[in-house]
PDB file of N, CA and C in Angstrom:
ATOM      1  N   MET A   1      10.633  19.259   2.273  1.00  0.00           N
ATOM      2  CA  MET A   1      10.680  17.928   2.397  1.00  0.00           C
ATOM      3  C   MET A   1       9.088  17.563   2.127  1.00  0.00           C
ATOM      4  N   LYS A   2       8.780  16.560   0.774  1.00  0.00           N
ATOM      5  CA  LYS A   2       7.417  16.212   0.911  1.00  0.00           C
ATOM      6  C   LYS A   2       7.107  15.069   1.792  1.00  0.00           C
ATOM      7  N   LYS A   3       5.925  14.936   1.977  1.00  0.00           N
ATOM      8  CA  LYS A   3       5.353  13.722   3.213  1.00  0.00           C
ATOM      9  C   LYS A   3       5.447  12.761   1.882  1.00  0.00           C
ATOM     10  N   LYS A   4       5.386  11.391   2.358  1.00  0.00           N
ATOM     11  CA  LYS A   4       5.636  10.323   2.198  1.00  0.00           C
ATOM     12  C   LYS A   4       4.606   9.326   2.231  1.00  0.00           C
ATOM     13  N   ILE A   5       3.502   9.103   1.322  1.00  0.00           N
ATOM     14  CA  ILE A   5       2.617   7.900   1.603  1.00  0.00           C
ATOM     15  C   ILE A   5       2.736   6.647   0.871  1.00  0.00           C
ATOM     16  N   LEU A   6       2.871   5.361   1.430  1.00  0.00           N
ATOM     17  CA  LEU A   6       2.775   4.072   0.978  1.00  0.00           C
ATOM     18  C   LEU A   6       1.304   3.824   0.794  1.00  0.00           C
ATOM     19  N   TYR A   7       1.860   3.299  -0.943  1.00  0.00           N
ATOM     20  CA  TYR A   7       0.539   2.831  -1.605  1.00  0.00           C
ATOM     21  C   TYR A   7       0.739   1.093  -2.050  1.00  0.00           C
ATOM     22  N   ILE A   8       0.254   0.574  -1.651  1.00  0.00           N
ATOM     23  CA  ILE A   8       0.001  -0.952  -1.429  1.00  0.00           C
ATOM     24  C   ILE A   8      -1.218  -1.083  -2.745  1.00  0.00           C
ATOM     25  N   HIS A   9      -0.908  -1.693  -3.672  1.00  0.00           N
ATOM     26  CA  HIS A   9      -1.703  -1.849  -5.001  1.00  0.00           C
ATOM     27  C   HIS A   9      -2.448  -3.145  -4.345  1.00  0.00           C
ATOM     28  N   GLY A  10      -3.648  -3.509  -5.744  1.00  0.00           N
ATOM     29  CA  GLY A  10      -4.188  -4.992  -5.336  1.00  0.00           C
ATOM     30  C   GLY A  10      -4.041  -6.042  -6.258  1.00  0.00           C
ATOM     31  N   PHE A  11      -4.720  -6.907  -6.068  1.00  0.00           N
ATOM     32  CA  PHE A  11      -4.295  -8.114  -6.732  1.00  0.00           C
ATOM     33  C   PHE A  11      -4.818  -8.172  -8.675  1.00  0.00           C
ATOM     34  N   MET A  12      -3.266  -8.441  -8.797  1.00  0.00           N
ATOM     35  CA  MET A  12      -3.878  -8.334 -10.350  1.00  0.00           C
ATOM     36  C   MET A  12      -3.411  -7.140 -10.785  1.00  0.00           C
ATOM     37  N   SER A  13      -2.954  -6.339  -9.835  1.00  0.00           N
ATOM     38  CA  SER A  13      -2.341  -4.432 -10.356  1.00  0.00           C
ATOM     39  C   SER A  13      -0.549  -4.705  -9.988  1.00  0.00           C
ATOM     40  N   GLY A  14      -0.347  -3.607  -9.909  1.00  0.00           N
ATOM     41  CA  GLY A  14       1.239  -3.133  -9.760  1.00  0.00           C
ATOM     42  C   GLY A  14       1.450  -1.826  -9.442  1.00  0.00           C
ATOM     43  N   ALA A  15       2.615  -1.894  -9.206  1.00  0.00           N
ATOM     44  CA  ALA A  15       3.354  -0.273  -8.958  1.00  0.00           C
ATOM     45  C   ALA A  15       2.975   0.538  -9.857  1.00  0.00           C
ATOM     46  N   ASN A  16       2.902   0.116 -10.723  1.00  0.00           N
ATOM     47  CA  ASN A  16       2.411   1.527 -12.496  1.00  0.00           C
ATOM     48  C   ASN A  16       0.934   1.214 -12.575  1.00  0.00           C
ATOM     49  N   GLY A  17      -0.065   0.670 -11.590  1.00  0.00           N
ATOM     50  CA  GLY A  17      -1.448   0.455 -12.116  1.00  0.00           C
ATOM     51  C   GLY A  17      -1.933   2.039 -12.159  1.00  0.00           C
ATOM     52  N   MET A  18      -3.266   1.948 -12.689  1.00  0.00           N
ATOM     53  CA  MET A  18      -4.178   2.828 -13.044  1.00  0.00           C
ATOM     54  C   MET A  18      -4.203   3.717 -11.521  1.00  0.00           C
ATOM     55  N   THR A  19      -4.670   3.332 -10.585  1.00  0.00           N
ATOM     56  CA  THR A  19      -4.750   4.120  -9.609  1.00  0.00           C
ATOM     57  C   THR A  19      -3.521   5.040  -8.986  1.00  0.00           C
ATOM     58  N   ILE A  20      -2.402   4.237  -9.089  1.00  0.00           N
ATOM     59  CA  ILE A  20      -1.394   5.032  -8.707  1.00  0.00           C
ATOM     60  C   ILE A  20      -1.178   6.218  -9.371  1.00  0.00           C
ATOM     61  N   THR A  21      -1.001   5.674 -10.499  1.00  0.00           N
ATOM     62  CA  THR A  21      -0.714   6.583 -11.830  1.00  0.00           C
ATOM     63  C   THR A  21      -1.288   8.006 -11.645  1.00  0.00           C
ATOM     64  N   ASN A  22      -2.778   7.864 -11.306  1.00  0.00           N
ATOM     65  CA  ASN A  22      -3.623   8.635 -10.940  1.00  0.00           C
ATOM     66  C   ASN A  22      -3.624   9.731  -9.755  1.00  0.00           C
ATOM     67  N   LEU A  23      -2.957   8.788  -8.844  1.00  0.00           N
ATOM     68  CA  LEU A  23      -2.713   9.336  -7.574  1.00  0.00           C
ATOM     69  C   LEU A  23      -1.499  10.401  -7.430  1.00  0.00           C
ATOM     70  N   ARG A  24      -0.718   9.628  -8.558  1.00  0.00           N
ATOM     71  CA  ARG A  24       0.676  10.571  -8.867  1.00  0.00           C
ATOM     72  C   ARG A  24       0.605  11.475  -9.466  1.00  0.00           C
ATOM     73  N   ARG A  25      -0.124  11.446 -10.607  1.00  0.00           N
ATOM     74  CA  ARG A  25      -0.720  12.741 -11.511  1.00  0.00           C
ATOM     75  C   ARG A  25      -1.028  14.060 -10.613  1.00  0.00           C
ATOM     76  N   ARG A  26      -1.963  13.602  -9.807  1.00  0.00           N
ATOM     77  CA  ARG A  26      -2.903  14.906  -8.825  1.00  0.00           C
ATOM     78  C   ARG A  26      -1.914  15.555  -7.945  1.00  0.00           C
ATOM     79  N   TYR A  27      -1.265  14.506  -7.022  1.00  0.00           N
ATOM     80  CA  TYR A  27      -0.525  14.540  -5.798  1.00  0.00           C
ATOM     81  C   TYR A  27       0.949  14.695  -6.224  1.00  0.00           C
ATOM     82  N   GLU A  28       1.718  14.445  -6.961  1.00  0.00           N
ATOM     83  CA  GLU A  28       2.945  14.673  -6.976  1.00  0.00           C
ATOM     84  C   GLU A  28       3.895  15.662  -6.080  1.00  0.00           C
ATOM     85  N   LYS A  29       3.329  17.020  -6.729  1.00  0.00           N
ATOM     86  CA  LYS A  29       4.139  18.030  -5.936  1.00  0.00           C
ATOM     87  C   LYS A  29       3.631  18.396  -4.612  1.00  0.00           C
ATOM     88  N   LYS A  30       3.133  17.657  -4.141  1.00  0.00           N
ATOM     89  CA  LYS A  30       2.596  17.272  -2.556  1.00  0.00           C
ATOM     90  C   LYS A  30       3.370  16.358  -1.853  1.00  0.00           C
ATOM     91  N   TYR A  31       3.433  14.883  -2.480  1.00  0.00           N
ATOM     92  CA  TYR A  31       3.908  13.585  -1.781  1.00  0.00           C
ATOM     93  C   TYR A  31       4.861  13.215  -2.553  1.00  0.00           C
ATOM     94  N   ASP A  32       5.838  12.029  -2.076  1.00  0.00           N
ATOM     95  CA  ASP A  32       6.289  11.651  -2.680  1.00  0.00           C
ATOM     96  C   ASP A  32       5.718   9.890  -2.324  1.00  0.00           C
ATOM     97  N   PHE A  33       5.757   9.390  -3.407  1.00  0.00           N
ATOM     98  CA  PHE A  33       4.848   7.847  -3.482  1.00  0.00           C
ATOM     99  C   PHE A  33       5.864   6.751  -3.249  1.00  0.00           C
ATOM    100  N   ILE A  34       5.811   5.916  -2.050  1.00  0.00           N
ATOM    101  CA  ILE A  34       6.606   4.589  -2.569  1.00  0.00           C
ATOM    102  C   ILE A  34       5.660   3.653  -2.751  1.00  0.00           C
ATOM    103  N   VAL A  35       5.894   2.863  -3.504  1.00  0.00           N
ATOM    104  CA  VAL A  35       4.933   1.843  -4.259  1.00  0.00           C
ATOM    105  C   VAL A  35       5.703   0.597  -4.556  1.00  0.00           C
ATOM    106  N   PRO A  36       5.340  -0.276  -3.837  1.00  0.00           N
ATOM    107  CA  PRO A  36       6.624  -1.272  -4.376  1.00  0.00           C
ATOM    108  C   PRO A  36       5.542  -2.004  -4.886  1.00  0.00           C
ATOM    109  N   GLU A  37       6.576  -3.594  -5.977  1.00  0.00           N
ATOM    110  CA  GLU A  37       5.631  -4.333  -6.327  1.00  0.00           C
ATOM    111  C   GLU A  37       5.562  -5.588  -5.635  1.00  0.00           C
ATOM    112  N   LEU A  38       4.171  -6.108  -5.366  1.00  0.00           N
ATOM    113  CA  LEU A  38       3.766  -7.173  -4.143  1.00  0.00           C
ATOM    114  C   LEU A  38       3.788  -8.247  -5.010  1.00  0.00           C
ATOM    115  N   ASP A  39       3.441  -9.594  -4.005  1.00  0.00           N
ATOM    116  CA  ASP A  39       3.162 -10.569  -4.468  1.00  0.00           C
ATOM    117  C   ASP A  39       1.782 -10.503  -3.818  1.00  0.00           C
ATOM    118  N   ALA A  40       1.464 -11.757  -4.569  1.00  0.00           N
ATOM    119  CA  ALA A  40      -0.459 -11.888  -3.844  1.00  0.00           C
ATOM    120  C   ALA A  40      -0.355 -12.832  -2.640  1.00  0.00           C
ATOM    121  N   ASP A  41       1.251 -13.312  -2.116  1.00  0.00           N
ATOM    122  CA  ASP A  41       1.120 -14.169  -0.982  1.00  0.00           C
ATOM    123  C   ASP A  41       1.358 -13.107   0.078  1.00  0.00           C
ATOM    124  N   PRO A  42      -0.018 -13.061   1.032  1.00  0.00           N
ATOM    125  CA  PRO A  42       0.335 -12.472   2.414  1.00  0.00           C
ATOM    126  C   PRO A  42       1.285 -12.783   3.155  1.00  0.00           C
ATOM    127  N   SER A  43       2.075 -13.512   3.292  1.00  0.00           N
ATOM    128  CA  SER A  43       3.710 -14.402   3.731  1.00  0.00           C
ATOM    129  C   SER A  43       4.459 -13.955   2.972  1.00  0.00           C
ATOM    130  N   VAL A  44       4.795 -13.225   2.140  1.00  0.00           N
ATOM    131  CA  VAL A  44       5.494 -12.735   1.228  1.00  0.00           C
ATOM    132  C   VAL A  44       5.265 -11.146   1.251  1.00  0.00           C
ATOM    133  N   SER A  45       4.278 -10.487   1.328  1.00  0.00           N
ATOM    134  CA  SER A  45       4.333  -9.183   1.242  1.00  0.00           C
ATOM    135  C   SER A  45       4.407  -8.329   2.389  1.00  0.00           C
ATOM    136  N   ILE A  46       3.343  -8.813   2.955  1.00  0.00           N
ATOM    137  CA  ILE A  46       3.424  -8.268   4.711  1.00  0.00           C
ATOM    138  C   ILE A  46       4.684  -7.848   5.567  1.00  0.00           C
ATOM    139  N   PRO A  47       5.514  -8.874   5.433  1.00  0.00           N
ATOM    140  CA  PRO A  47       6.730  -9.003   6.140  1.00  0.00           C
ATOM    141  C   PRO A  47       7.659  -7.388   5.142  1.00  0.00           C
ATOM    142  N   LYS A  48       7.529  -7.845   3.949  1.00  0.00           N
ATOM    143  CA  LYS A  48       8.174  -6.453   2.709  1.00  0.00           C
ATOM    144  C   LYS A  48       7.708  -5.592   3.043  1.00  0.00           C
ATOM    145  N   ILE A  49       6.015  -4.961   3.444  1.00  0.00           N
ATOM    146  CA  ILE A  49       5.679  -3.598   3.643  1.00  0.00           C
ATOM    147  C   ILE A  49       6.118  -3.083   4.695  1.00  0.00           C
ATOM    148  N   ASN A  50       5.974  -4.386   6.110  1.00  0.00           N
ATOM    149  CA  ASN A  50       6.867  -4.021   7.343  1.00  0.00           C
ATOM    150  C   ASN A  50       7.942  -3.303   7.455  1.00  0.00           C
ATOM    151  N   GLU A  51       8.841  -3.646   6.434  1.00  0.00           N
ATOM    152  CA  GLU A  51      10.460  -3.257   6.622  1.00  0.00           C
ATOM    153  C   GLU A  51      10.296  -1.891   5.842  1.00  0.00           C
ATOM    154  N   ILE A  52       9.659  -1.666   4.880  1.00  0.00           N
ATOM    155  CA  ILE A  52       9.380  -0.794   4.193  1.00  0.00           C
ATOM    156  C   ILE A  52       9.065   0.319   4.978  1.00  0.00           C
ATOM    157  N   ILE A  53       7.973   0.488   5.742  1.00  0.00           N
ATOM    158  CA  ILE A  53       7.318   0.859   6.753  1.00  0.00           C
ATOM    159  C   ILE A  53       8.579   1.106   7.640  1.00  0.00           C
ATOM    160  N   LYS A  54       9.390   0.605   8.139  1.00  0.00           N
ATOM    161  CA  LYS A  54      10.202   0.831   9.219  1.00  0.00           C
ATOM    162  C   LYS A  54      11.459   2.059   8.539  1.00  0.00           C
ATOM    163  N   ALA A  55      11.756   1.644   7.387  1.00  0.00           N
ATOM    164  CA  ALA A  55      12.657   2.344   6.733  1.00  0.00           C
ATOM    165  C   ALA A  55      12.292   3.450   6.003  1.00  0.00           C
ATOM    166  N   GLU A  56      11.269   3.939   5.525  1.00  0.00           N
ATOM    167  CA  GLU A  56      10.886   4.883   5.009  1.00  0.00           C
ATOM    168  C   GLU A  56       9.717   6.316   5.896  1.00  0.00           C
ATOM    169  N   GLN A  57       8.972   5.456   7.053  1.00  0.00           N
ATOM    170  CA  GLN A  57       8.278   5.846   7.762  1.00  0.00           C
ATOM    171  C   GLN A  57       7.291   6.754   7.042  1.00  0.00           C
ATOM    172  N   PRO A  58       6.527   6.252   6.463  1.00  0.00           N
ATOM    173  CA  PRO A  58       5.333   6.984   5.329  1.00  0.00           C
ATOM    174  C   PRO A  58       4.441   7.855   6.402  1.00  0.00           C
ATOM    175  N   SER A  59       3.832   8.810   5.951  1.00  0.00           N
ATOM    176  CA  SER A  59       2.710   9.396   6.640  1.00  0.00           C
ATOM    177  C   SER A  59       1.474   9.371   6.497  1.00  0.00           C
ATOM    178  N   LEU A  60       1.550   8.052   5.331  1.00  0.00           N
ATOM    179  CA  LEU A  60      -0.099   7.323   5.176  1.00  0.00           C
ATOM    180  C   LEU A  60       0.249   6.263   4.418  1.00  0.00           C
ATOM    181  N   ILE A  61      -0.668   5.398   4.722  1.00  0.00           N
ATOM    182  CA  ILE A  61      -0.580   4.140   3.960  1.00  0.00           C
ATOM    183  C   ILE A  61      -1.736   4.291   3.462  1.00  0.00           C
ATOM    184  N   ILE A  62      -2.234   4.039   1.811  1.00  0.00           N
ATOM    185  CA  ILE A  62      -3.414   3.618   1.018  1.00  0.00           C
ATOM    186  C   ILE A  62      -3.034   1.944   0.656  1.00  0.00           C
ATOM    187  N   GLY A  63      -3.822   1.166   0.618  1.00  0.00           N
ATOM    188  CA  GLY A  63      -3.767   0.158   0.137  1.00  0.00           C
ATOM    189  C   GLY A  63      -5.402  -0.167  -0.457  1.00  0.00           C
ATOM    190  N   ASN A  64      -5.115  -0.707  -1.462  1.00  0.00           N
ATOM    191  CA  ASN A  64      -6.514  -0.872  -2.601  1.00  0.00           C
ATOM    192  C   ASN A  64      -6.754  -2.345  -2.800  1.00  0.00           C
ATOM    193  N   SER A  65      -8.120  -2.650  -2.293  1.00  0.00           N
ATOM    194  CA  SER A  65      -8.266  -4.439  -2.337  1.00  0.00           C
ATOM    195  C   SER A  65      -7.449  -5.188  -1.669  1.00  0.00           C
ATOM    196  N   LEU A  66      -6.425  -5.936  -2.354  1.00  0.00           N
ATOM    197  CA  LEU A  66      -6.117  -6.832  -1.483  1.00  0.00           C
ATOM    198  C   LEU A  66      -4.929  -6.295  -0.992  1.00  0.00           C
ATOM    199  N   GLY A  67      -4.257  -4.951  -1.537  1.00  0.00           N
ATOM    200  CA  GLY A  67      -3.534  -3.889  -0.546  1.00  0.00           C
ATOM    201  C   GLY A  67      -4.196  -3.450   0.549  1.00  0.00           C
ATOM    202  N   GLY A  68      -5.585  -3.589   0.508  1.00  0.00           N
ATOM    203  CA  GLY A  68      -6.185  -3.172   1.893  1.00  0.00           C
ATOM    204  C   GLY A  68      -6.144  -3.918   2.896  1.00  0.00           C
ATOM    205  N   PHE A  69      -6.232  -4.859   2.470  1.00  0.00           N
ATOM    206  CA  PHE A  69      -5.667  -6.349   3.108  1.00  0.00           C
ATOM    207  C   PHE A  69      -4.631  -6.035   4.203  1.00  0.00           C
ATOM    208  N   PHE A  70      -3.521  -5.527   3.025  1.00  0.00           N
ATOM    209  CA  PHE A  70      -1.927  -5.633   3.249  1.00  0.00           C
ATOM    210  C   PHE A  70      -2.159  -4.868   4.862  1.00  0.00           C
ATOM    211  N   ALA A  71      -2.419  -3.587   3.995  1.00  0.00           N
ATOM    212  CA  ALA A  71      -2.566  -2.479   4.934  1.00  0.00           C
ATOM    213  C   ALA A  71      -3.030  -2.641   6.564  1.00  0.00           C
ATOM    214  N   LEU A  72      -4.523  -3.292   6.680  1.00  0.00           N
ATOM    215  CA  LEU A  72      -4.463  -3.580   7.737  1.00  0.00           C
ATOM    216  C   LEU A  72      -4.317  -4.246   8.512  1.00  0.00           C
ATOM    217  N   MET A  73      -3.305  -5.201   7.988  1.00  0.00           N
ATOM    218  CA  MET A  73      -2.235  -6.276   8.552  1.00  0.00           C
ATOM    219  C   MET A  73      -0.784  -6.047   8.638  1.00  0.00           C
ATOM    220  N   CYS A  74      -0.487  -4.736   8.411  1.00  0.00           N
ATOM    221  CA  CYS A  74       1.141  -4.618   8.787  1.00  0.00           C
ATOM    222  C   CYS A  74       1.067  -3.927   9.678  1.00  0.00           C
ATOM    223  N   GLU A  75       2.243  -3.609  10.099  1.00  0.00           N
ATOM    224  CA  GLU A  75       2.547  -3.024  11.635  1.00  0.00           C
ATOM    225  C   GLU A  75       3.052  -1.606  11.392  1.00  0.00           C
ATOM    226  N   SER A  76       1.657  -0.871  11.382  1.00  0.00           N
ATOM    227  CA  SER A  76       1.495   0.568  10.929  1.00  0.00           C
ATOM    228  C   SER A  76       1.983   1.526  11.863  1.00  0.00           C
ATOM    229  N   GLY A  77       1.677   0.869  13.021  1.00  0.00           N
ATOM    230  CA  GLY A  77       1.849   1.733  14.277  1.00  0.00           C
ATOM    231  C   GLY A  77       1.027   2.687  14.271  1.00  0.00           C
ATOM    232  N   ASN A  78       1.415   3.808  14.727  1.00  0.00           N
ATOM    233  CA  ASN A  78       0.256   5.307  14.194  1.00  0.00           C
ATOM    234  C   ASN A  78      -0.147   5.858  13.413  1.00  0.00           C
ATOM    235  N   ILE A  79       0.761   5.070  12.044  1.00  0.00           N
ATOM    236  CA  ILE A  79       0.436   5.715  10.590  1.00  0.00           C
ATOM    237  C   ILE A  79      -0.804   5.291  10.211  1.00  0.00           C
ATOM    238  N   PRO A  80      -1.994   6.484  10.055  1.00  0.00           N
ATOM    239  CA  PRO A  80      -2.902   6.546   9.784  1.00  0.00           C
ATOM    240  C   PRO A  80      -3.077   5.731   8.333  1.00  0.00           C
ATOM    241  N   ILE A  81      -3.964   4.882   8.057  1.00  0.00           N
ATOM    242  CA  ILE A  81      -4.651   3.574   6.938  1.00  0.00           C
ATOM    243  C   ILE A  81      -5.576   4.091   5.942  1.00  0.00           C
ATOM    244  N   LEU A  82      -5.494   4.117   4.711  1.00  0.00           N
ATOM    245  CA  LEU A  82      -6.456   4.428   4.332  1.00  0.00           C
ATOM    246  C   LEU A  82      -7.074   3.015   3.161  1.00  0.00           C
ATOM    247  N   ALA A  83      -7.890   2.425   3.406  1.00  0.00           N
ATOM    248  CA  ALA A  83      -8.096   0.895   2.982  1.00  0.00           C
ATOM    249  C   ALA A  83      -9.151   1.051   2.259  1.00  0.00           C
ATOM    250  N   VAL A  84      -8.961   1.143   0.676  1.00  0.00           N
ATOM    251  CA  VAL A  84     -10.539   0.969  -0.397  1.00  0.00           C
ATOM    252  C   VAL A  84     -10.279  -0.033  -0.616  1.00  0.00           C
ATOM    253  N   ASN A  85     -11.751  -0.039  -0.312  1.00  0.00           N
ATOM    254  CA  ASN A  85     -12.163  -1.564  -0.915  1.00  0.00           C
ATOM    255  C   ASN A  85     -11.339  -2.821  -0.641  1.00  0.00           C
ATOM    256  N   PRO A  86     -11.067  -3.365   0.999  1.00  0.00           N
ATOM    257  CA  PRO A  86      -9.898  -3.984   1.140  1.00  0.00           C
ATOM    258  C   PRO A  86     -10.823  -5.485   1.132  1.00  0.00           C
ATOM    259  N   CYS A  87     -10.391  -6.080   0.597  1.00  0.00           N
ATOM    260  CA  CYS A  87     -10.013  -7.817   0.285  1.00  0.00           C
ATOM    261  C   CYS A  87     -10.199  -8.180   1.737  1.00  0.00           C
ATOM    262  N   VAL A  88     -11.607  -8.299   2.787  1.00  0.00           N
ATOM    263  CA  VAL A  88     -11.350  -8.799   3.725  1.00  0.00           C
ATOM    264  C   VAL A  88     -11.003 -10.298   4.311  1.00  0.00           C
ATOM    265  N   ASN A  89     -11.347 -11.134   3.689  1.00  0.00           N
ATOM    266  CA  ASN A  89     -10.574 -12.688   3.744  1.00  0.00           C
ATOM    267  C   ASN A  89     -10.108 -13.107   2.063  1.00  0.00           C
ATOM    268  N   PRO A  90      -8.996 -12.864   2.205  1.00  0.00           N
ATOM    269  CA  PRO A  90      -8.480 -13.368   1.204  1.00  0.00           C
ATOM    270  C   PRO A  90      -8.119 -14.608   0.882  1.00  0.00           C
ATOM    271  N   TYR A  91      -7.864 -15.190   1.872  1.00  0.00           N
ATOM    272  CA  TYR A  91      -7.750 -16.915   1.913  1.00  0.00           C
ATOM    273  C   TYR A  91      -9.038 -17.448   1.327  1.00  0.00           C
ATOM    274  N   GLU A  92      -9.915 -17.186   1.179  1.00  0.00           N
ATOM    275  CA  GLU A  92     -11.336 -16.977   0.663  1.00  0.00           C
ATOM    276  C   GLU A  92     -11.526 -16.941  -0.387  1.00  0.00           C
ATOM    277  N   HIS A  93     -11.141 -15.544  -0.912  1.00  0.00           N
ATOM    278  CA  HIS A  93     -11.577 -15.099  -1.853  1.00  0.00           C
ATOM    279  C   HIS A  93     -10.712 -15.597  -3.413  1.00  0.00           C
ATOM    280  N   LEU A  94      -9.290 -15.596  -2.918  1.00  0.00           N
ATOM    281  CA  LEU A  94      -8.008 -15.830  -4.249  1.00  0.00           C
ATOM    282  C   LEU A  94      -7.614 -17.274  -4.075  1.00  0.00           C
TER     283      LEU A  94
END
């Protein structure tokens, strides 16, 4: 059974963006990717991410840009987080 990675896309990206496409291409034999389509509104997306974490129990969470912010704010427990270029204050920048 492959380990699961939850990938959280950034602002103006999506579940089929270039970053996740490249990650899948490179690591699809080793990992299963969970890639939800998310809203830019944290009050909508963070609860959805928390539900996915509880249901899927990923081994790693990767968040890019706004997704990095979401990853840092979610209820990850002991799951490692890789926040790539996280948007640290989306309320100011978006």
